[in-house]
N, C-alpha and C. Protein backbone atom coordinates (compact mmCIF):
# COMPACT_ATOMS: atom_id res chain seq x y z
N UNK A 1 -3.41 -31.21 -38.46
CA UNK A 1 -4.82 -31.06 -38.24
C UNK A 1 -5.04 -29.96 -37.21
N UNK A 2 -5.18 -28.76 -37.68
CA UNK A 2 -5.33 -27.63 -36.78
C UNK A 2 -6.79 -27.29 -36.64
N UNK A 3 -7.22 -27.11 -35.40
CA UNK A 3 -8.60 -26.75 -35.17
C UNK A 3 -8.73 -25.23 -35.23
N UNK A 4 -9.82 -24.79 -35.75
CA UNK A 4 -10.05 -23.35 -35.78
C UNK A 4 -10.52 -22.92 -34.40
N UNK A 5 -10.10 -21.73 -33.97
CA UNK A 5 -10.53 -21.26 -32.65
C UNK A 5 -12.04 -21.03 -32.67
N UNK A 6 -12.67 -21.21 -31.52
CA UNK A 6 -14.11 -21.03 -31.47
C UNK A 6 -14.50 -19.59 -31.76
N UNK A 7 -15.62 -19.42 -32.37
CA UNK A 7 -16.09 -18.08 -32.69
C UNK A 7 -16.53 -17.40 -31.41
N UNK A 8 -16.57 -16.05 -31.42
CA UNK A 8 -16.97 -15.34 -30.20
C UNK A 8 -18.37 -15.71 -29.73
N UNK A 9 -19.23 -16.12 -30.66
CA UNK A 9 -20.58 -16.48 -30.24
C UNK A 9 -20.62 -17.81 -29.51
N UNK A 10 -19.59 -18.65 -29.71
CA UNK A 10 -19.59 -19.94 -29.01
C UNK A 10 -19.23 -19.79 -27.54
N UNK A 11 -18.69 -18.62 -27.14
CA UNK A 11 -18.35 -18.40 -25.73
C UNK A 11 -19.51 -17.80 -24.96
N UNK A 12 -20.64 -17.57 -25.60
CA UNK A 12 -21.79 -17.02 -24.91
C UNK A 12 -22.43 -18.14 -24.10
N UNK A 13 -22.34 -18.00 -22.79
CA UNK A 13 -22.87 -19.02 -21.89
C UNK A 13 -23.62 -18.31 -20.77
N UNK A 14 -24.29 -19.08 -19.96
CA UNK A 14 -25.10 -18.48 -18.91
C UNK A 14 -24.43 -18.51 -17.54
N UNK A 15 -23.24 -19.08 -17.43
CA UNK A 15 -22.62 -19.22 -16.13
C UNK A 15 -21.15 -18.80 -16.18
N UNK A 16 -20.69 -18.08 -15.16
CA UNK A 16 -19.26 -17.73 -15.13
C UNK A 16 -18.36 -18.96 -15.03
N UNK A 17 -18.81 -20.00 -14.35
CA UNK A 17 -18.00 -21.21 -14.23
C UNK A 17 -17.84 -21.87 -15.60
N UNK A 18 -18.91 -21.87 -16.38
CA UNK A 18 -18.85 -22.46 -17.72
C UNK A 18 -17.88 -21.65 -18.59
N UNK A 19 -17.90 -20.34 -18.47
CA UNK A 19 -16.97 -19.50 -19.23
C UNK A 19 -15.54 -19.82 -18.84
N UNK A 20 -15.29 -19.98 -17.53
CA UNK A 20 -13.95 -20.30 -17.06
C UNK A 20 -13.49 -21.65 -17.60
N UNK A 21 -14.38 -22.63 -17.63
CA UNK A 21 -13.98 -23.94 -18.15
C UNK A 21 -13.72 -23.87 -19.66
N UNK A 22 -14.48 -23.06 -20.39
CA UNK A 22 -14.22 -22.89 -21.82
C UNK A 22 -12.87 -22.24 -22.05
N UNK A 23 -12.53 -21.25 -21.21
CA UNK A 23 -11.24 -20.61 -21.35
C UNK A 23 -10.10 -21.57 -21.02
N UNK A 24 -10.30 -22.43 -20.03
CA UNK A 24 -9.27 -23.42 -19.69
C UNK A 24 -9.07 -24.40 -20.85
N UNK A 25 -10.16 -24.83 -21.46
CA UNK A 25 -10.05 -25.74 -22.60
C UNK A 25 -9.30 -25.07 -23.74
N UNK A 26 -9.58 -23.80 -23.95
CA UNK A 26 -8.90 -23.06 -25.03
C UNK A 26 -7.41 -22.96 -24.75
N UNK A 27 -7.04 -22.73 -23.47
CA UNK A 27 -5.62 -22.65 -23.12
C UNK A 27 -4.92 -24.00 -23.31
N UNK A 28 -5.63 -25.09 -22.99
CA UNK A 28 -5.03 -26.41 -23.14
C UNK A 28 -4.80 -26.75 -24.60
N UNK A 29 -5.64 -26.25 -25.49
CA UNK A 29 -5.46 -26.51 -26.92
C UNK A 29 -4.30 -25.72 -27.49
N UNK A 30 -4.05 -24.55 -26.91
CA UNK A 30 -2.96 -23.69 -27.38
C UNK A 30 -1.99 -23.47 -26.24
N UNK A 31 -1.05 -24.41 -26.01
CA UNK A 31 -0.15 -24.30 -24.85
C UNK A 31 0.83 -23.14 -25.00
N UNK A 32 1.34 -22.70 -23.86
CA UNK A 32 2.32 -21.62 -23.81
C UNK A 32 3.71 -22.23 -24.01
N UNK A 33 4.51 -21.73 -24.98
CA UNK A 33 5.79 -22.38 -25.25
C UNK A 33 6.87 -22.13 -24.21
N UNK A 34 6.90 -20.97 -23.56
CA UNK A 34 7.97 -20.63 -22.62
C UNK A 34 7.80 -21.45 -21.34
N UNK A 35 8.84 -22.15 -20.86
CA UNK A 35 8.68 -22.98 -19.66
C UNK A 35 8.41 -22.18 -18.40
N UNK A 36 9.00 -20.97 -18.29
CA UNK A 36 8.75 -20.15 -17.10
C UNK A 36 7.30 -19.70 -17.06
N UNK A 37 6.79 -19.25 -18.21
CA UNK A 37 5.40 -18.81 -18.26
C UNK A 37 4.47 -20.00 -18.05
N UNK A 38 4.88 -21.16 -18.57
CA UNK A 38 4.04 -22.35 -18.43
C UNK A 38 3.96 -22.74 -16.95
N UNK A 39 5.08 -22.68 -16.24
CA UNK A 39 5.08 -23.03 -14.82
C UNK A 39 4.23 -22.04 -14.03
N UNK A 40 4.37 -20.75 -14.36
CA UNK A 40 3.59 -19.74 -13.65
C UNK A 40 2.11 -19.90 -13.96
N UNK A 41 1.78 -20.19 -15.22
CA UNK A 41 0.38 -20.36 -15.60
C UNK A 41 -0.21 -21.59 -14.94
N UNK A 42 0.57 -22.68 -14.87
CA UNK A 42 0.03 -23.89 -14.24
C UNK A 42 -0.13 -23.70 -12.73
N UNK A 43 0.80 -22.97 -12.12
CA UNK A 43 0.67 -22.69 -10.69
C UNK A 43 -0.55 -21.81 -10.42
N UNK A 44 -0.76 -20.81 -11.27
CA UNK A 44 -1.92 -19.94 -11.09
C UNK A 44 -3.21 -20.71 -11.34
N UNK A 45 -3.21 -21.58 -12.34
CA UNK A 45 -4.40 -22.38 -12.63
C UNK A 45 -4.68 -23.35 -11.48
N UNK A 46 -3.62 -23.95 -10.92
CA UNK A 46 -3.81 -24.87 -9.79
C UNK A 46 -4.36 -24.12 -8.58
N UNK A 47 -3.84 -22.92 -8.34
CA UNK A 47 -4.33 -22.11 -7.24
C UNK A 47 -5.80 -21.76 -7.44
N UNK A 48 -6.15 -21.35 -8.68
CA UNK A 48 -7.54 -20.97 -8.96
C UNK A 48 -8.47 -22.16 -8.83
N UNK A 49 -8.01 -23.33 -9.29
CA UNK A 49 -8.85 -24.52 -9.19
C UNK A 49 -9.04 -24.93 -7.73
N UNK A 50 -7.97 -24.80 -6.95
CA UNK A 50 -8.03 -25.24 -5.57
C UNK A 50 -8.83 -24.27 -4.70
N UNK A 51 -8.63 -22.97 -4.91
CA UNK A 51 -9.21 -21.99 -4.01
C UNK A 51 -10.38 -21.22 -4.60
N UNK A 52 -10.57 -21.22 -5.89
CA UNK A 52 -11.66 -20.46 -6.50
C UNK A 52 -11.32 -18.98 -6.56
N UNK A 53 -12.32 -18.16 -6.85
CA UNK A 53 -12.04 -16.72 -6.93
C UNK A 53 -11.69 -16.16 -5.55
N UNK A 54 -10.85 -15.14 -5.55
CA UNK A 54 -10.44 -14.53 -4.29
C UNK A 54 -11.61 -13.75 -3.70
N UNK A 55 -11.86 -13.92 -2.41
CA UNK A 55 -12.99 -13.19 -1.79
C UNK A 55 -12.83 -11.68 -1.89
N UNK A 56 -11.60 -11.17 -1.80
CA UNK A 56 -11.42 -9.72 -1.88
C UNK A 56 -11.83 -9.19 -3.24
N UNK A 57 -11.60 -9.97 -4.30
CA UNK A 57 -12.02 -9.53 -5.62
C UNK A 57 -13.53 -9.52 -5.73
N UNK A 58 -14.16 -10.54 -5.19
CA UNK A 58 -15.62 -10.63 -5.25
C UNK A 58 -16.24 -9.51 -4.43
N UNK A 59 -15.74 -9.30 -3.21
CA UNK A 59 -16.29 -8.25 -2.36
C UNK A 59 -16.05 -6.87 -2.98
N UNK A 60 -14.89 -6.68 -3.57
CA UNK A 60 -14.61 -5.40 -4.22
C UNK A 60 -15.55 -5.13 -5.38
N UNK A 61 -15.79 -6.16 -6.19
CA UNK A 61 -16.70 -6.00 -7.33
C UNK A 61 -18.12 -5.71 -6.85
N UNK A 62 -18.59 -6.49 -5.90
CA UNK A 62 -19.95 -6.28 -5.38
C UNK A 62 -20.06 -4.91 -4.72
N UNK A 63 -19.05 -4.52 -3.96
CA UNK A 63 -19.06 -3.20 -3.32
C UNK A 63 -19.08 -2.07 -4.33
N UNK A 64 -18.31 -2.20 -5.40
CA UNK A 64 -18.27 -1.18 -6.44
C UNK A 64 -19.63 -1.04 -7.12
N UNK A 65 -20.22 -2.15 -7.51
CA UNK A 65 -21.53 -2.12 -8.17
C UNK A 65 -22.59 -1.56 -7.23
N UNK A 66 -22.57 -1.97 -5.96
CA UNK A 66 -23.54 -1.49 -4.99
C UNK A 66 -23.41 0.02 -4.78
N UNK A 67 -22.18 0.51 -4.71
CA UNK A 67 -21.95 1.94 -4.52
C UNK A 67 -22.47 2.74 -5.70
N UNK A 68 -22.22 2.28 -6.90
CA UNK A 68 -22.69 2.99 -8.09
C UNK A 68 -24.22 3.01 -8.13
N UNK A 69 -24.84 1.89 -7.86
CA UNK A 69 -26.31 1.83 -7.87
C UNK A 69 -26.89 2.73 -6.79
N UNK A 70 -26.33 2.71 -5.59
CA UNK A 70 -26.82 3.56 -4.50
C UNK A 70 -26.65 5.04 -4.85
N UNK A 71 -25.52 5.40 -5.47
CA UNK A 71 -25.31 6.80 -5.84
C UNK A 71 -26.31 7.25 -6.90
N UNK A 72 -26.58 6.40 -7.87
CA UNK A 72 -27.55 6.75 -8.91
C UNK A 72 -28.94 6.91 -8.31
N UNK A 73 -29.34 5.99 -7.44
CA UNK A 73 -30.66 6.09 -6.79
C UNK A 73 -30.74 7.36 -5.95
N UNK A 74 -29.68 7.68 -5.21
CA UNK A 74 -29.67 8.88 -4.38
C UNK A 74 -29.81 10.13 -5.24
N UNK A 75 -29.06 10.22 -6.33
CA UNK A 75 -29.10 11.41 -7.19
C UNK A 75 -30.46 11.55 -7.85
N UNK A 76 -31.02 10.44 -8.32
CA UNK A 76 -32.35 10.50 -8.94
C UNK A 76 -33.38 10.95 -7.92
N UNK A 77 -33.32 10.40 -6.71
CA UNK A 77 -34.27 10.79 -5.67
C UNK A 77 -34.10 12.26 -5.29
N UNK A 78 -32.86 12.73 -5.19
CA UNK A 78 -32.61 14.09 -4.72
C UNK A 78 -33.00 15.15 -5.76
N UNK A 79 -32.83 14.86 -7.05
CA UNK A 79 -33.03 15.88 -8.07
C UNK A 79 -34.34 15.75 -8.86
N UNK A 80 -35.02 14.64 -8.73
CA UNK A 80 -36.27 14.48 -9.47
C UNK A 80 -37.39 15.19 -8.72
N UNK A 81 -38.17 16.04 -9.41
CA UNK A 81 -39.28 16.72 -8.74
C UNK A 81 -40.34 15.72 -8.25
N UNK A 82 -41.01 16.09 -7.17
CA UNK A 82 -42.00 15.20 -6.57
C UNK A 82 -43.14 14.84 -7.51
N UNK A 83 -43.65 15.76 -8.32
CA UNK A 83 -44.72 15.36 -9.25
C UNK A 83 -44.28 14.27 -10.23
N UNK A 84 -43.03 14.30 -10.65
CA UNK A 84 -42.55 13.26 -11.56
C UNK A 84 -42.50 11.91 -10.85
N UNK A 85 -42.05 11.91 -9.58
CA UNK A 85 -42.01 10.67 -8.82
C UNK A 85 -43.42 10.11 -8.62
N UNK A 86 -44.39 10.99 -8.35
CA UNK A 86 -45.77 10.53 -8.20
C UNK A 86 -46.30 9.99 -9.52
N UNK A 87 -45.94 10.64 -10.62
CA UNK A 87 -46.37 10.17 -11.94
C UNK A 87 -45.83 8.77 -12.23
N UNK A 88 -44.59 8.48 -11.77
CA UNK A 88 -43.99 7.15 -11.96
C UNK A 88 -44.54 6.12 -10.97
N UNK A 89 -45.37 6.56 -10.04
CA UNK A 89 -45.95 5.63 -9.08
C UNK A 89 -45.14 5.48 -7.81
N UNK A 90 -44.14 6.31 -7.64
CA UNK A 90 -43.30 6.26 -6.44
C UNK A 90 -43.86 7.29 -5.46
N UNK A 91 -44.51 6.80 -4.42
CA UNK A 91 -45.14 7.71 -3.46
C UNK A 91 -44.51 7.63 -2.08
N UNK A 92 -43.79 6.57 -1.79
CA UNK A 92 -43.19 6.43 -0.46
C UNK A 92 -41.67 6.61 -0.58
N UNK A 93 -41.17 7.72 -0.14
CA UNK A 93 -39.74 8.01 -0.16
C UNK A 93 -39.45 9.01 0.96
N UNK A 94 -38.21 9.10 1.39
CA UNK A 94 -37.87 10.04 2.48
C UNK A 94 -38.03 11.49 2.01
N UNK A 95 -38.10 12.37 2.98
CA UNK A 95 -38.21 13.79 2.69
C UNK A 95 -36.95 14.28 1.99
N UNK A 96 -37.13 15.31 1.14
CA UNK A 96 -35.98 15.87 0.41
C UNK A 96 -35.00 16.56 1.37
N UNK A 97 -35.43 16.84 2.59
CA UNK A 97 -34.54 17.40 3.60
C UNK A 97 -33.31 16.52 3.79
N UNK A 98 -33.48 15.20 3.74
CA UNK A 98 -32.39 14.28 3.97
C UNK A 98 -31.38 14.26 2.83
N UNK A 99 -31.77 14.75 1.65
CA UNK A 99 -30.82 14.84 0.54
C UNK A 99 -29.72 15.85 0.85
N UNK A 100 -30.03 16.83 1.67
CA UNK A 100 -29.02 17.81 2.11
C UNK A 100 -28.43 17.40 3.45
N UNK A 101 -29.25 16.86 4.34
CA UNK A 101 -28.80 16.58 5.70
C UNK A 101 -27.79 15.44 5.76
N UNK A 102 -28.01 14.35 5.03
CA UNK A 102 -27.10 13.19 5.10
C UNK A 102 -25.69 13.54 4.64
N UNK A 103 -25.50 14.16 3.46
CA UNK A 103 -24.11 14.53 3.09
C UNK A 103 -23.49 15.53 4.06
N UNK A 104 -24.30 16.46 4.59
CA UNK A 104 -23.77 17.42 5.56
C UNK A 104 -23.29 16.72 6.83
N UNK A 105 -24.11 15.79 7.34
CA UNK A 105 -23.72 15.04 8.53
C UNK A 105 -22.45 14.23 8.27
N UNK A 106 -22.36 13.62 7.10
CA UNK A 106 -21.16 12.82 6.78
C UNK A 106 -19.91 13.69 6.72
N UNK A 107 -20.01 14.87 6.11
CA UNK A 107 -18.84 15.75 6.02
C UNK A 107 -18.41 16.22 7.41
N UNK A 108 -19.39 16.61 8.23
CA UNK A 108 -19.06 17.06 9.59
C UNK A 108 -18.43 15.92 10.39
N UNK A 109 -18.95 14.71 10.22
CA UNK A 109 -18.40 13.55 10.93
C UNK A 109 -16.95 13.29 10.52
N UNK A 110 -16.67 13.35 9.23
CA UNK A 110 -15.30 13.12 8.75
C UNK A 110 -14.35 14.20 9.28
N UNK A 111 -14.79 15.47 9.23
CA UNK A 111 -13.94 16.55 9.72
C UNK A 111 -13.68 16.40 11.22
N UNK A 112 -14.72 16.09 12.00
CA UNK A 112 -14.53 15.90 13.44
C UNK A 112 -13.63 14.71 13.74
N UNK A 113 -13.75 13.64 12.96
CA UNK A 113 -12.87 12.48 13.17
C UNK A 113 -11.42 12.86 12.91
N UNK A 114 -11.17 13.63 11.85
CA UNK A 114 -9.79 14.04 11.56
C UNK A 114 -9.25 14.95 12.63
N UNK A 115 -10.05 15.89 13.11
CA UNK A 115 -9.60 16.80 14.17
C UNK A 115 -9.34 16.02 15.46
N UNK A 116 -10.23 15.08 15.78
CA UNK A 116 -10.04 14.26 17.00
C UNK A 116 -8.77 13.43 16.90
N UNK A 117 -8.53 12.83 15.74
CA UNK A 117 -7.32 12.03 15.56
C UNK A 117 -6.07 12.88 15.72
N UNK A 118 -6.08 14.06 15.12
CA UNK A 118 -4.94 14.97 15.25
C UNK A 118 -4.74 15.38 16.70
N UNK A 119 -5.85 15.70 17.40
CA UNK A 119 -5.75 16.09 18.81
C UNK A 119 -5.22 14.98 19.68
N UNK A 120 -5.68 13.74 19.44
CA UNK A 120 -5.18 12.61 20.22
C UNK A 120 -3.69 12.39 19.99
N UNK A 121 -3.23 12.57 18.75
CA UNK A 121 -1.80 12.44 18.48
C UNK A 121 -1.00 13.50 19.21
N UNK A 122 -1.51 14.73 19.26
CA UNK A 122 -0.81 15.78 20.01
C UNK A 122 -0.79 15.47 21.50
N UNK A 123 -1.86 14.85 22.01
CA UNK A 123 -1.91 14.55 23.44
C UNK A 123 -0.90 13.48 23.84
N UNK A 124 -0.66 12.48 22.99
CA UNK A 124 0.25 11.40 23.37
C UNK A 124 1.69 11.66 22.96
N UNK A 125 1.95 12.73 22.22
CA UNK A 125 3.32 13.05 21.82
C UNK A 125 4.02 13.75 22.99
N UNK A 126 5.22 13.30 23.34
CA UNK A 126 5.92 13.96 24.46
C UNK A 126 6.34 15.38 24.06
N UNK A 127 6.48 16.26 25.04
CA UNK A 127 6.88 17.64 24.73
C UNK A 127 8.30 17.69 24.18
N UNK A 128 8.65 18.78 23.49
CA UNK A 128 9.99 18.87 22.88
C UNK A 128 11.12 18.84 23.90
N UNK A 129 10.86 19.17 25.15
CA UNK A 129 11.92 19.17 26.16
C UNK A 129 12.13 17.82 26.82
N UNK A 130 11.34 16.83 26.45
CA UNK A 130 11.43 15.51 27.07
C UNK A 130 12.65 14.75 26.55
N UNK A 131 13.31 14.02 27.47
CA UNK A 131 14.46 13.21 27.07
C UNK A 131 14.02 11.97 26.29
N UNK A 132 12.73 11.62 26.35
CA UNK A 132 12.24 10.47 25.59
C UNK A 132 12.32 10.71 24.08
N UNK A 133 12.37 11.97 23.68
CA UNK A 133 12.49 12.27 22.25
C UNK A 133 13.92 12.03 21.78
N UNK A 134 14.89 12.34 22.63
CA UNK A 134 16.29 12.24 22.22
C UNK A 134 16.84 10.82 22.34
N UNK A 135 16.48 10.13 23.40
CA UNK A 135 17.04 8.80 23.65
C UNK A 135 15.92 7.84 24.02
N UNK A 136 16.04 6.61 23.56
CA UNK A 136 15.14 5.56 23.99
C UNK A 136 15.92 4.25 24.00
N UNK A 137 15.23 3.12 24.19
CA UNK A 137 15.94 1.85 24.30
C UNK A 137 16.56 1.41 22.97
N UNK A 138 16.17 2.03 21.86
CA UNK A 138 16.72 1.64 20.56
C UNK A 138 17.81 2.59 20.07
N UNK A 139 18.19 3.58 20.85
CA UNK A 139 19.23 4.52 20.45
C UNK A 139 20.58 3.82 20.38
N UNK A 140 21.39 4.23 19.41
CA UNK A 140 22.73 3.66 19.25
C UNK A 140 23.75 4.78 19.29
N UNK A 141 24.70 4.64 20.17
CA UNK A 141 25.78 5.62 20.26
C UNK A 141 26.73 5.41 19.09
N UNK A 142 27.32 6.49 18.61
CA UNK A 142 28.27 6.39 17.52
C UNK A 142 29.59 5.86 18.07
N UNK A 143 30.11 4.83 17.40
CA UNK A 143 31.38 4.27 17.87
C UNK A 143 32.52 5.10 17.31
N UNK A 144 33.58 5.21 18.10
CA UNK A 144 34.74 5.98 17.66
C UNK A 144 35.75 5.04 17.06
N UNK A 145 36.04 5.25 15.77
CA UNK A 145 37.02 4.43 15.07
C UNK A 145 38.18 5.34 14.69
N UNK A 146 39.36 4.97 15.14
CA UNK A 146 40.54 5.77 14.79
C UNK A 146 41.31 5.04 13.71
N UNK A 147 41.71 5.77 12.71
CA UNK A 147 42.47 5.16 11.62
C UNK A 147 43.93 5.56 11.74
N UNK A 148 44.77 4.67 11.34
CA UNK A 148 46.21 4.93 11.42
C UNK A 148 46.72 5.29 10.02
N UNK A 149 47.12 6.51 9.85
CA UNK A 149 47.77 6.93 8.61
C UNK A 149 46.94 6.71 7.37
N UNK A 150 47.54 5.92 6.41
CA UNK A 150 46.94 5.72 5.11
C UNK A 150 46.03 4.51 5.02
N UNK A 151 45.71 3.91 6.15
CA UNK A 151 44.84 2.74 6.09
C UNK A 151 43.43 3.14 5.67
N UNK A 152 42.77 2.20 5.02
CA UNK A 152 41.38 2.45 4.63
C UNK A 152 40.50 2.36 5.87
N UNK A 153 39.52 3.24 5.92
CA UNK A 153 38.59 3.24 7.05
C UNK A 153 37.39 2.38 6.70
N UNK A 154 36.95 1.55 7.61
CA UNK A 154 35.76 0.73 7.34
C UNK A 154 34.50 1.60 7.36
N UNK A 155 33.45 1.07 6.79
CA UNK A 155 32.16 1.77 6.83
C UNK A 155 31.66 1.76 8.26
N UNK A 156 31.26 2.91 8.73
CA UNK A 156 30.80 3.02 10.10
C UNK A 156 29.45 2.33 10.26
N UNK A 157 29.24 1.67 11.39
CA UNK A 157 27.93 1.04 11.61
C UNK A 157 26.84 2.09 11.77
N UNK A 158 25.61 1.66 11.61
CA UNK A 158 24.47 2.57 11.73
C UNK A 158 24.39 3.06 13.17
N UNK A 159 24.21 4.37 13.29
CA UNK A 159 24.08 4.95 14.63
C UNK A 159 23.24 6.21 14.55
N UNK A 160 22.81 6.69 15.69
CA UNK A 160 22.04 7.93 15.75
C UNK A 160 22.99 9.11 15.78
N UNK A 161 22.53 10.19 15.18
CA UNK A 161 23.31 11.43 15.22
C UNK A 161 22.82 12.22 16.42
N UNK A 162 23.75 12.69 17.22
CA UNK A 162 23.39 13.43 18.42
C UNK A 162 22.74 14.77 18.10
N UNK A 163 21.93 15.25 19.03
CA UNK A 163 21.24 16.52 18.84
C UNK A 163 22.24 17.65 18.72
N UNK A 164 23.33 17.61 19.48
CA UNK A 164 24.33 18.69 19.41
C UNK A 164 25.00 18.74 18.04
N UNK A 165 25.22 17.58 17.42
CA UNK A 165 25.81 17.58 16.06
C UNK A 165 24.83 18.16 15.06
N UNK A 166 23.56 17.81 15.15
CA UNK A 166 22.57 18.36 14.23
C UNK A 166 22.47 19.85 14.40
N UNK A 167 22.45 20.32 15.66
CA UNK A 167 22.39 21.77 15.88
C UNK A 167 23.61 22.47 15.32
N UNK A 168 24.80 21.89 15.48
CA UNK A 168 26.01 22.49 14.93
C UNK A 168 25.96 22.55 13.40
N UNK A 169 25.46 21.50 12.77
CA UNK A 169 25.38 21.47 11.31
C UNK A 169 24.35 22.47 10.80
N UNK A 170 23.18 22.50 11.43
CA UNK A 170 22.09 23.34 10.93
C UNK A 170 22.26 24.81 11.33
N UNK A 171 22.69 25.06 12.53
CA UNK A 171 22.70 26.44 13.03
C UNK A 171 24.09 27.00 13.24
N UNK A 172 25.12 26.23 12.88
CA UNK A 172 26.49 26.72 12.93
C UNK A 172 27.02 26.74 14.26
């Protein structure tokens, strides 16, 4: 006695929670045969039932929709001639000056923030002649391991390479 799957029109509901419950019922009628997938699906379903939708997903979705709507409103306001806006009954809106000024201010702010961040990093970086660049509390000296004849040498532990060795390798 096999039930036919519900038609796409039967999933038309007015609530996201109702849609989720319909999908859960559909999954229960058609179980997953693989035990690993079944365990993962049941764990995910238990998590979703216990905690609900993730706030980051909800905030991301709302933020995305809000950004798109704000961008469309901004572009319509910036490019629509004033007589057309008056014809549509829209009489109270900011001056068109701000359509140029706001993006300009934002770009200048971002550029100044990047320059300030770069400058602060240069200010807190020690000069190239400082010994703090070469050695600190986490520096490890290379241990000297001598091998006797044909014996196998063990893998050397992790250590820092000295500045003099790097200079010899790079500059001869």
